[in-house]
Amino acid sequence: MGGAIYADDSGNPGVESGSVFLPADRKSWTAVIVPSTVAEHVEQAMKIFIEGVQGEFGVDELHFTEIYSGTGAWKPVLPQKRAEVIELMAGVMSKLGLPIVHQTVSDFTMLDHPQREIPGRVGDWDLENLSQLALLMLCSGVFHHVTTMRDRSPKDFTLPFPLFVDEGIMPAGRERALPNWADVIEGPRASFRKSSELAGLQLADFAAFIISRSQWIAVKRSTGFISKSDEVILKAASRLNILNLPFMKVTPDTFGKEAYEDSQAASRVSKGLTPRPPTKR
């Protein structure tokens, strides 16, 4: 296992969150970057972790949405045990400190930038498909952050890195050429794989789930009370090394939809956008 980039989507809940910042049409992707100098250590840590979980629970792979909700192979596992798996993985991610980039695209993304002409297609990529557009925008963000990190610490990044993407847009084993970013992404191309066959994709699955779920918790909970399951997720989120999301420091009394939306509004203003997302007329 050499230096690499692993990407997974967080799915589309398909329901309204109650916040304009999390519309039902959104598509989100998360990339975990494994620097060259720690790649062998990461591989060994994940091998030990996955084999331990497989041995105890008899599962083939770690889909953290299923672990959290107790579905699929995790249905017979007690909530406390499932929470322990999430906490253990959060500890692994915290110790590794791997850089993470997150990208969400929704209909209002285009409304934010009306002056930009987005073509219908680039190569085999359908840019009218929000999931495919979000993945390409993630690649652009990864390129920017990896380039910056490489300039600061060249020995950590023997570029270009392969980009492995969880199957979905294409079946496992297939590849698709990327339109840019060859200095950072090998090819440049996206290689689609099964997460059960590539441990790095389970890092991305975990990061994507934790980020998405923590945002959902923020806009759906009542202030003043944090359930045990929510606390596990929020603690895990606080330990992720996310390069491009604002960090929220709140108390149980203030954490909720208002605090989340204030944080998002401030982030938008810092980027020269309107505080709240535009809507179609």
C-alpha atoms as a PDB file:
ATOM      1  CA  MET A   1       0.000   0.000   0.000  1.00  0.00           C
ATOM      2  CA  GLY A   2       1.612   3.220  -1.169  1.00  0.00           C
ATOM      3  CA  GLY A   3       0.345   6.766  -0.881  1.00  0.00           C
ATOM      4  CA  ALA A   4      -3.187   6.985  -2.247  1.00  0.00           C
ATOM      5  CA  ILE A   5      -6.505   8.821  -2.249  1.00  0.00           C
ATOM      6  CA  TYR A   6      -9.690   6.986  -1.292  1.00  0.00           C
ATOM      7  CA  ALA A   7     -13.154   8.408  -1.978  1.00  0.00           C
ATOM      8  CA  ASP A   8     -16.668   7.376  -1.044  1.00  0.00           C
ATOM      9  CA  ASP A   9     -20.046   9.057  -1.200  1.00  0.00           C
ATOM     10  CA  SER A  10     -22.289   9.500   1.810  1.00  0.00           C
ATOM     11  CA  GLY A  11     -25.455   8.606  -0.030  1.00  0.00           C
ATOM     12  CA  ASN A  12     -28.468  10.812  -0.576  1.00  0.00           C
ATOM     13  CA  PRO A  13     -30.990  10.809   2.257  1.00  0.00           C
ATOM     14  CA  GLY A  14     -33.660  11.981  -0.178  1.00  0.00           C
ATOM     15  CA  VAL A  15     -35.611  13.738   2.554  1.00  0.00           C
ATOM     16  CA  GLU A  16     -35.767  17.305   3.747  1.00  0.00           C
ATOM     17  CA  SER A  17     -33.577  18.033   6.751  1.00  0.00           C
ATOM     18  CA  GLY A  18     -35.403  21.206   7.686  1.00  0.00           C
ATOM     19  CA  SER A  19     -32.334  23.295   6.855  1.00  0.00           C
ATOM     20  CA  VAL A  20     -31.698  25.144   3.600  1.00  0.00           C
ATOM     21  CA  PHE A  21     -28.025  24.232   4.004  1.00  0.00           C
ATOM     22  CA  LEU A  22     -28.799  20.500   3.720  1.00  0.00           C
ATOM     23  CA  PRO A  23     -31.295  20.147   0.849  1.00  0.00           C
ATOM     24  CA  ALA A  24     -32.628  16.742  -0.103  1.00  0.00           C
ATOM     25  CA  ASP A  25     -31.033  16.916  -3.563  1.00  0.00           C
ATOM     26  CA  ARG A  26     -27.479  17.197  -2.233  1.00  0.00           C
ATOM     27  CA  LYS A  27     -24.734  14.758  -3.206  1.00  0.00           C
ATOM     28  CA  SER A  28     -21.676  14.461  -0.997  1.00  0.00           C
ATOM     29  CA  TRP A  29     -18.282  12.835  -1.468  1.00  0.00           C
ATOM     30  CA  THR A  30     -15.423  12.449   0.995  1.00  0.00           C
ATOM     31  CA  ALA A  31     -11.762  11.734   0.255  1.00  0.00           C
ATOM     32  CA  VAL A  32      -9.207  10.368   2.700  1.00  0.00           C
ATOM     33  CA  ILE A  33      -5.604  11.066   1.714  1.00  0.00           C
ATOM     34  CA  VAL A  34      -2.923   8.598   2.794  1.00  0.00           C
ATOM     35  CA  PRO A  35       0.546  10.204   2.594  1.00  0.00           C
ATOM     36  CA  SER A  36       3.403   8.072   1.260  1.00  0.00           C
ATOM     37  CA  THR A  37       5.377   8.055   4.505  1.00  0.00           C
ATOM     38  CA  VAL A  38       2.563   6.540   6.598  1.00  0.00           C
ATOM     39  CA  ALA A  39       0.998   4.226   3.996  1.00  0.00           C
ATOM     40  CA  GLU A  40       2.479   1.004   5.413  1.00  0.00           C
ATOM     41  CA  HIS A  41       1.495   1.985   8.940  1.00  0.00           C
ATOM     42  CA  VAL A  42      -2.056   2.746   7.798  1.00  0.00           C
ATOM     43  CA  GLU A  43      -2.291  -0.589   6.000  1.00  0.00           C
ATOM     44  CA  GLN A  44      -1.156  -2.488   9.091  1.00  0.00           C
ATOM     45  CA  ALA A  45      -3.493  -0.559  11.406  1.00  0.00           C
ATOM     46  CA  MET A  46      -6.488  -1.190   9.156  1.00  0.00           C
ATOM     47  CA  LYS A  47      -5.585  -4.871   8.714  1.00  0.00           C
ATOM     48  CA  ILE A  48      -5.555  -5.377  12.497  1.00  0.00           C
ATOM     49  CA  PHE A  49      -8.773  -3.415  12.974  1.00  0.00           C
ATOM     50  CA  ILE A  50     -10.758  -5.079  10.179  1.00  0.00           C
ATOM     51  CA  GLU A  51      -9.599  -8.594  11.062  1.00  0.00           C
ATOM     52  CA  GLY A  52     -10.579  -7.968  14.671  1.00  0.00           C
ATOM     53  CA  VAL A  53     -14.061  -6.786  13.755  1.00  0.00           C
ATOM     54  CA  GLN A  54     -14.544  -9.581  11.225  1.00  0.00           C
ATOM     55  CA  GLY A  55     -13.448 -12.165  13.753  1.00  0.00           C
ATOM     56  CA  GLU A  56     -15.813 -10.899  16.448  1.00  0.00           C
ATOM     57  CA  PHE A  57     -18.886 -10.134  14.329  1.00  0.00           C
ATOM     58  CA  GLY A  58     -18.453 -12.306  11.211  1.00  0.00           C
ATOM     59  CA  VAL A  59     -18.878  -9.453   8.700  1.00  0.00           C
ATOM     60  CA  ASP A  60     -17.126  -9.008   5.355  1.00  0.00           C
ATOM     61  CA  GLU A  61     -16.811  -5.209   5.385  1.00  0.00           C
ATOM     62  CA  LEU A  62     -17.538  -2.181   7.502  1.00  0.00           C
ATOM     63  CA  HIS A  63     -20.418  -0.111   6.170  1.00  0.00           C
ATOM     64  CA  PHE A  64     -20.787   2.366   8.990  1.00  0.00           C
ATOM     65  CA  THR A  65     -24.327   3.368   8.050  1.00  0.00           C
ATOM     66  CA  GLU A  66     -25.315  -0.257   8.677  1.00  0.00           C
ATOM     67  CA  ILE A  67     -23.265  -0.418  11.876  1.00  0.00           C
ATOM     68  CA  TYR A  68     -24.941   2.713  13.229  1.00  0.00           C
ATOM     69  CA  SER A  69     -28.481   1.730  12.253  1.00  0.00           C
ATOM     70  CA  GLY A  70     -28.172  -1.983  13.065  1.00  0.00           C
ATOM     71  CA  THR A  71     -29.137  -3.244   9.621  1.00  0.00           C
ATOM     72  CA  GLY A  72     -27.777  -5.960   7.353  1.00  0.00           C
ATOM     73  CA  ALA A  73     -25.157  -8.134   9.021  1.00  0.00           C
ATOM     74  CA  TRP A  74     -25.258  -5.841  12.067  1.00  0.00           C
ATOM     75  CA  LYS A  75     -28.933  -6.406  12.891  1.00  0.00           C
ATOM     76  CA  PRO A  76     -28.301  -8.951  15.679  1.00  0.00           C
ATOM     77  CA  VAL A  77     -25.499  -6.881  17.266  1.00  0.00           C
ATOM     78  CA  LEU A  78     -26.391  -4.905  20.405  1.00  0.00           C
ATOM     79  CA  PRO A  79     -26.307  -1.077  20.106  1.00  0.00           C
ATOM     80  CA  GLN A  80     -23.546  -0.824  22.717  1.00  0.00           C
ATOM     81  CA  LYS A  81     -21.318  -3.164  20.702  1.00  0.00           C
ATOM     82  CA  ARG A  82     -21.998  -1.253  17.502  1.00  0.00           C
ATOM     83  CA  ALA A  83     -21.136   2.013  19.258  1.00  0.00           C
ATOM     84  CA  GLU A  84     -17.874   0.455  20.403  1.00  0.00           C
ATOM     85  CA  VAL A  85     -16.929  -0.337  16.788  1.00  0.00           C
ATOM     86  CA  ILE A  86     -17.549   3.293  15.795  1.00  0.00           C
ATOM     87  CA  GLU A  87     -15.535   4.523  18.782  1.00  0.00           C
ATOM     88  CA  LEU A  88     -12.658   2.181  17.953  1.00  0.00           C
ATOM     89  CA  MET A  89     -12.593   3.350  14.337  1.00  0.00           C
ATOM     90  CA  ALA A  90     -12.693   6.971  15.500  1.00  0.00           C
ATOM     91  CA  GLY A  91      -9.641   6.225  17.631  1.00  0.00           C
ATOM     92  CA  VAL A  92      -7.823   4.713  14.664  1.00  0.00           C
ATOM     93  CA  MET A  93      -8.619   7.729  12.480  1.00  0.00           C
ATOM     94  CA  SER A  94      -7.588  10.145  15.241  1.00  0.00           C
ATOM     95  CA  LYS A  95      -4.210   8.456  15.748  1.00  0.00           C
ATOM     96  CA  LEU A  96      -3.535   8.296  12.017  1.00  0.00           C
ATOM     97  CA  GLY A  97      -4.515  11.958  11.525  1.00  0.00           C
ATOM     98  CA  LEU A  98      -5.159  11.414   7.823  1.00  0.00           C
ATOM     99  CA  PRO A  99      -6.153  14.526   5.824  1.00  0.00           C
ATOM    100  CA  ILE A 100      -9.786  14.529   4.709  1.00  0.00           C
ATOM    101  CA  VAL A 101     -11.538  16.602   2.040  1.00  0.00           C
ATOM    102  CA  HIS A 102     -15.336  16.781   1.845  1.00  0.00           C
ATOM    103  CA  GLN A 103     -17.447  18.069  -1.047  1.00  0.00           C
ATOM    104  CA  THR A 104     -21.196  18.605  -1.315  1.00  0.00           C
ATOM    105  CA  VAL A 105     -23.056  19.732  -4.426  1.00  0.00           C
ATOM    106  CA  SER A 106     -26.730  20.627  -4.696  1.00  0.00           C
ATOM    107  CA  ASP A 107     -28.893  22.672  -7.023  1.00  0.00           C
ATOM    108  CA  PHE A 108     -27.954  25.858  -5.190  1.00  0.00           C
ATOM    109  CA  THR A 109     -24.240  25.255  -5.937  1.00  0.00           C
ATOM    110  CA  MET A 110     -24.835  26.366  -9.507  1.00  0.00           C
ATOM    111  CA  LEU A 111     -27.004  29.276  -8.381  1.00  0.00           C
ATOM    112  CA  ASP A 112     -24.093  30.477  -6.245  1.00  0.00           C
ATOM    113  CA  HIS A 113     -21.995  30.852  -9.394  1.00  0.00           C
ATOM    114  CA  PRO A 114     -24.359  31.945 -12.208  1.00  0.00           C
ATOM    115  CA  GLN A 115     -21.473  33.439 -14.174  1.00  0.00           C
ATOM    116  CA  ARG A 116     -19.823  30.057 -14.653  1.00  0.00           C
ATOM    117  CA  GLU A 117     -20.738  28.052 -17.704  1.00  0.00           C
ATOM    118  CA  ILE A 118     -20.845  24.357 -16.821  1.00  0.00           C
ATOM    119  CA  PRO A 119     -20.792  22.105 -19.909  1.00  0.00           C
ATOM    120  CA  GLY A 120     -23.174  19.168 -20.022  1.00  0.00           C
ATOM    121  CA  ARG A 121     -20.336  16.673 -20.307  1.00  0.00           C
ATOM    122  CA  VAL A 122     -16.585  16.457 -19.904  1.00  0.00           C
ATOM    123  CA  GLY A 123     -15.314  13.259 -21.468  1.00  0.00           C
ATOM    124  CA  ASP A 124     -17.451  10.464 -20.009  1.00  0.00           C
ATOM    125  CA  TRP A 125     -18.549  12.581 -17.023  1.00  0.00           C
ATOM    126  CA  ASP A 126     -22.131  13.840 -16.980  1.00  0.00           C
ATOM    127  CA  LEU A 127     -21.962  17.217 -15.226  1.00  0.00           C
ATOM    128  CA  GLU A 128     -25.742  17.446 -15.014  1.00  0.00           C
ATOM    129  CA  ASN A 129     -25.535  14.468 -12.659  1.00  0.00           C
ATOM    130  CA  LEU A 130     -24.923  16.026  -9.232  1.00  0.00           C
ATOM    131  CA  SER A 131     -23.066  12.988  -7.908  1.00  0.00           C
ATOM    132  CA  GLN A 132     -20.613  12.958 -10.799  1.00  0.00           C
ATOM    133  CA  LEU A 133     -20.175  16.724 -10.618  1.00  0.00           C
ATOM    134  CA  ALA A 134     -19.536  16.482  -6.864  1.00  0.00           C
ATOM    135  CA  LEU A 135     -16.872  13.812  -7.372  1.00  0.00           C
ATOM    136  CA  LEU A 136     -15.047  15.970  -9.919  1.00  0.00           C
ATOM    137  CA  MET A 137     -15.241  18.976  -7.597  1.00  0.00           C
ATOM    138  CA  LEU A 138     -13.847  16.747  -4.835  1.00  0.00           C
ATOM    139  CA  CYS A 139     -10.915  15.879  -7.118  1.00  0.00           C
ATOM    140  CA  SER A 140     -10.268  19.578  -7.639  1.00  0.00           C
ATOM    141  CA  GLY A 141     -10.304  20.169  -3.880  1.00  0.00           C
ATOM    142  CA  VAL A 142      -7.985  17.216  -3.268  1.00  0.00           C
ATOM    143  CA  PHE A 143      -5.597  18.556  -5.909  1.00  0.00           C
ATOM    144  CA  HIS A 144      -5.463  21.935  -4.163  1.00  0.00           C
ATOM    145  CA  HIS A 145      -4.911  20.528  -0.670  1.00  0.00           C
ATOM    146  CA  VAL A 146      -2.404  17.842  -1.662  1.00  0.00           C
ATOM    147  CA  THR A 147      -0.402  20.387  -3.653  1.00  0.00           C
ATOM    148  CA  THR A 148      -0.294  22.690  -0.625  1.00  0.00           C
ATOM    149  CA  MET A 149       0.724  19.874   1.727  1.00  0.00           C
ATOM    150  CA  ARG A 150       3.381  18.620  -0.683  1.00  0.00           C
ATOM    151  CA  ASP A 151       4.940  22.083  -0.897  1.00  0.00           C
ATOM    152  CA  ARG A 152       5.205  22.129   2.912  1.00  0.00           C
ATOM    153  CA  SER A 153       6.398  18.539   3.300  1.00  0.00           C
ATOM    154  CA  PRO A 154       7.641  17.048  -0.008  1.00  0.00           C
ATOM    155  CA  LYS A 155       8.828  13.745   1.480  1.00  0.00           C
ATOM    156  CA  ASP A 156       5.279  12.855   2.564  1.00  0.00           C
ATOM    157  CA  PHE A 157       3.857  12.969  -0.954  1.00  0.00           C
ATOM    158  CA  THR A 158       5.488  10.897  -3.675  1.00  0.00           C
ATOM    159  CA  LEU A 159       3.080  11.963  -6.401  1.00  0.00           C
ATOM    160  CA  PRO A 160       1.006  11.177  -8.328  1.00  0.00           C
ATOM    161  CA  PHE A 161      -1.266   9.094  -6.078  1.00  0.00           C
ATOM    162  CA  PRO A 162      -3.812   6.583  -7.388  1.00  0.00           C
ATOM    163  CA  LEU A 163      -7.425   7.572  -6.778  1.00  0.00           C
ATOM    164  CA  PHE A 164      -9.657   4.708  -5.647  1.00  0.00           C
ATOM    165  CA  VAL A 165     -13.416   5.310  -5.608  1.00  0.00           C
ATOM    166  CA  ASP A 166     -16.065   3.061  -4.091  1.00  0.00           C
ATOM    167  CA  GLU A 167     -18.128   1.372  -6.789  1.00  0.00           C
ATOM    168  CA  GLY A 168     -21.382   3.033  -7.782  1.00  0.00           C
ATOM    169  CA  ILE A 169     -20.838   5.488 -10.608  1.00  0.00           C
ATOM    170  CA  MET A 170     -19.055   2.598 -12.308  1.00  0.00           C
ATOM    171  CA  PRO A 171     -18.810  -1.114 -11.390  1.00  0.00           C
ATOM    172  CA  ALA A 172     -15.813  -2.351  -9.409  1.00  0.00           C
ATOM    173  CA  GLY A 173     -12.804  -3.006 -11.623  1.00  0.00           C
ATOM    174  CA  ARG A 174     -13.602  -0.231 -14.079  1.00  0.00           C
ATOM    175  CA  GLU A 175     -11.748   3.053 -14.575  1.00  0.00           C
ATOM    176  CA  ARG A 176     -12.674   6.441 -15.962  1.00  0.00           C
ATOM    177  CA  ALA A 177     -10.313   9.143 -17.179  1.00  0.00           C
ATOM    178  CA  LEU A 178     -10.349  12.456 -15.328  1.00  0.00           C
ATOM    179  CA  PRO A 179     -10.191  15.779 -17.190  1.00  0.00           C
ATOM    180  CA  ASN A 180      -7.367  17.242 -15.076  1.00  0.00           C
ATOM    181  CA  TRP A 181      -5.191  16.966 -11.951  1.00  0.00           C
ATOM    182  CA  ALA A 182      -2.501  14.641 -13.383  1.00  0.00           C
ATOM    183  CA  ASP A 183       0.174  16.159 -11.126  1.00  0.00           C
ATOM    184  CA  VAL A 184      -1.622  14.749  -8.078  1.00  0.00           C
ATOM    185  CA  ILE A 185      -3.863  11.938  -9.359  1.00  0.00           C
ATOM    186  CA  GLU A 186      -2.245   9.098 -11.265  1.00  0.00           C
ATOM    187  CA  GLY A 187      -3.505   8.790 -14.836  1.00  0.00           C
ATOM    188  CA  PRO A 188      -5.331  11.012 -14.249  1.00  0.00           C
ATOM    189  CA  ARG A 189      -8.129   8.506 -13.653  1.00  0.00           C
ATOM    190  CA  ALA A 190     -10.601   7.258 -11.069  1.00  0.00           C
ATOM    191  CA  SER A 191     -10.354   3.537 -10.337  1.00  0.00           C
ATOM    192  CA  PHE A 192     -13.555   2.003  -8.957  1.00  0.00           C
ATOM    193  CA  ARG A 193     -13.247  -0.782  -6.402  1.00  0.00           C
ATOM    194  CA  LYS A 194     -15.240  -2.719  -3.790  1.00  0.00           C
ATOM    195  CA  SER A 195     -14.670  -1.514  -0.231  1.00  0.00           C
ATOM    196  CA  SER A 196     -14.491  -5.147   0.913  1.00  0.00           C
ATOM    197  CA  GLU A 197     -11.386  -5.563  -1.260  1.00  0.00           C
ATOM    198  CA  LEU A 198      -9.610  -2.317  -0.416  1.00  0.00           C
ATOM    199  CA  ALA A 199      -9.179  -1.305   3.211  1.00  0.00           C
ATOM    200  CA  GLY A 200      -8.547   2.338   2.325  1.00  0.00           C
ATOM    201  CA  LEU A 201     -12.099   2.669   1.035  1.00  0.00           C
ATOM    202  CA  GLN A 202     -13.376   1.763   4.479  1.00  0.00           C
ATOM    203  CA  LEU A 203     -11.514   4.791   5.829  1.00  0.00           C
ATOM    204  CA  ALA A 204     -13.442   6.898   3.323  1.00  0.00           C
ATOM    205  CA  ASP A 205     -16.718   5.154   4.177  1.00  0.00           C
ATOM    206  CA  PHE A 206     -16.216   6.010   7.848  1.00  0.00           C
ATOM    207  CA  ALA A 207     -15.297   9.655   7.219  1.00  0.00           C
ATOM    208  CA  ALA A 208     -18.202  10.150   4.797  1.00  0.00           C
ATOM    209  CA  PHE A 209     -20.677   8.624   7.244  1.00  0.00           C
ATOM    210  CA  ILE A 210     -19.456  10.567  10.277  1.00  0.00           C
ATOM    211  CA  ILE A 211     -19.486  13.928   8.497  1.00  0.00           C
ATOM    212  CA  SER A 212     -22.933  13.384   6.982  1.00  0.00           C
ATOM    213  CA  ARG A 213     -24.443  12.036  10.192  1.00  0.00           C
ATOM    214  CA  SER A 214     -23.011  14.779  12.391  1.00  0.00           C
ATOM    215  CA  GLN A 215     -24.529  17.409  10.089  1.00  0.00           C
ATOM    216  CA  TRP A 216     -27.872  15.638  10.273  1.00  0.00           C
ATOM    217  CA  ILE A 217     -27.700  15.505  14.064  1.00  0.00           C
ATOM    218  CA  ALA A 218     -26.928  19.222  14.198  1.00  0.00           C
ATOM    219  CA  VAL A 219     -30.063  20.277  12.342  1.00  0.00           C
ATOM    220  CA  LYS A 220     -32.468  17.706  13.797  1.00  0.00           C
ATOM    221  CA  ARG A 221     -31.729  17.641  17.531  1.00  0.00           C
ATOM    222  CA  SER A 222     -33.096  19.800  20.334  1.00  0.00           C
ATOM    223  CA  THR A 223     -30.582  21.925  22.211  1.00  0.00           C
ATOM    224  CA  GLY A 224     -29.726  20.935  25.749  1.00  0.00           C
ATOM    225  CA  PHE A 225     -29.716  17.156  25.202  1.00  0.00           C
ATOM    226  CA  ILE A 226     -27.329  14.871  23.357  1.00  0.00           C
ATOM    227  CA  SER A 227     -28.213  11.177  23.206  1.00  0.00           C
ATOM    228  CA  LYS A 228     -25.553   8.546  23.759  1.00  0.00           C
ATOM    229  CA  SER A 229     -25.549   7.510  20.090  1.00  0.00           C
ATOM    230  CA  ASP A 230     -25.310  11.129  18.937  1.00  0.00           C
ATOM    231  CA  GLU A 231     -22.459  11.736  21.356  1.00  0.00           C
ATOM    232  CA  VAL A 232     -20.489   8.870  19.795  1.00  0.00           C
ATOM    233  CA  ILE A 233     -20.901  10.381  16.318  1.00  0.00           C
ATOM    234  CA  LEU A 234     -20.083  13.938  17.362  1.00  0.00           C
ATOM    235  CA  LYS A 235     -16.976  12.888  19.250  1.00  0.00           C
ATOM    236  CA  ALA A 236     -15.851  10.907  16.204  1.00  0.00           C
ATOM    237  CA  ALA A 237     -16.425  13.964  13.979  1.00  0.00           C
ATOM    238  CA  SER A 238     -14.394  16.190  16.298  1.00  0.00           C
ATOM    239  CA  ARG A 239     -11.393  13.871  15.901  1.00  0.00           C
ATOM    240  CA  LEU A 240     -11.327  13.888  12.091  1.00  0.00           C
ATOM    241  CA  ASN A 241      -8.661  15.940  10.302  1.00  0.00           C
ATOM    242  CA  ILE A 242     -11.044  17.663   7.846  1.00  0.00           C
ATOM    243  CA  LEU A 243      -9.222  20.274   5.789  1.00  0.00           C
ATOM    244  CA  ASN A 244     -12.097  22.223   4.280  1.00  0.00           C
ATOM    245  CA  LEU A 245     -14.994  22.333   6.749  1.00  0.00           C
ATOM    246  CA  PRO A 246     -15.422  24.955   9.495  1.00  0.00           C
ATOM    247  CA  PHE A 247     -14.835  23.689  13.019  1.00  0.00           C
ATOM    248  CA  MET A 248     -17.712  24.327  15.428  1.00  0.00           C
ATOM    249  CA  LYS A 249     -16.990  24.705  19.139  1.00  0.00           C
ATOM    250  CA  VAL A 250     -20.293  24.591  20.985  1.00  0.00           C
ATOM    251  CA  THR A 251     -21.839  23.445  24.257  1.00  0.00           C
ATOM    252  CA  PRO A 252     -24.789  21.049  24.626  1.00  0.00           C
ATOM    253  CA  ASP A 253     -26.980  24.068  25.423  1.00  0.00           C
ATOM    254  CA  THR A 254     -26.175  25.833  22.159  1.00  0.00           C
ATOM    255  CA  PHE A 255     -25.508  22.969  19.743  1.00  0.00           C
ATOM    256  CA  GLY A 256     -28.345  22.566  17.270  1.00  0.00           C
ATOM    257  CA  LYS A 257     -29.835  23.879  14.054  1.00  0.00           C
ATOM    258  CA  GLU A 258     -29.292  27.566  14.833  1.00  0.00           C
ATOM    259  CA  ALA A 259     -25.620  27.126  15.700  1.00  0.00           C
ATOM    260  CA  TYR A 260     -25.057  24.934  12.635  1.00  0.00           C
ATOM    261  CA  GLU A 261     -26.731  27.396  10.290  1.00  0.00           C
ATOM    262  CA  ASP A 262     -24.873  30.369  11.799  1.00  0.00           C
ATOM    263  CA  SER A 263     -21.607  28.512  11.196  1.00  0.00           C
ATOM    264  CA  GLN A 264     -22.558  27.712   7.606  1.00  0.00           C
ATOM    265  CA  ALA A 265     -23.664  31.292   6.942  1.00  0.00           C
ATOM    266  CA  ALA A 266     -20.368  32.644   8.285  1.00  0.00           C
ATOM    267  CA  SER A 267     -18.452  30.176   6.110  1.00  0.00           C
ATOM    268  CA  ARG A 268     -20.394  31.277   3.014  1.00  0.00           C
ATOM    269  CA  VAL A 269     -19.751  34.961   3.729  1.00  0.00           C
ATOM    270  CA  SER A 270     -16.018  34.262   4.121  1.00  0.00           C
ATOM    271  CA  LYS A 271     -16.092  32.853   0.568  1.00  0.00           C
ATOM    272  CA  GLY A 272     -17.824  35.937  -0.848  1.00  0.00           C
ATOM    273  CA  LEU A 273     -21.259  34.292  -1.056  1.00  0.00           C
ATOM    274  CA  THR A 274     -24.613  35.353   0.350  1.00  0.00           C
ATOM    275  CA  PRO A 275     -25.212  34.162   3.950  1.00  0.00           C
ATOM    276  CA  ARG A 276     -28.012  31.822   2.894  1.00  0.00           C
ATOM    277  CA  PRO A 277     -28.128  29.716  -0.266  1.00  0.00           C
ATOM    278  CA  PRO A 278     -30.053  31.164  -3.205  1.00  0.00           C
ATOM    279  CA  THR A 279     -33.271  29.499  -4.313  1.00  0.00           C
ATOM    280  CA  LYS A 280     -34.794  28.988  -7.715  1.00  0.00           C
ATOM    281  CA  ARG A 281     -37.484  31.421  -8.721  1.00  0.00           C
END
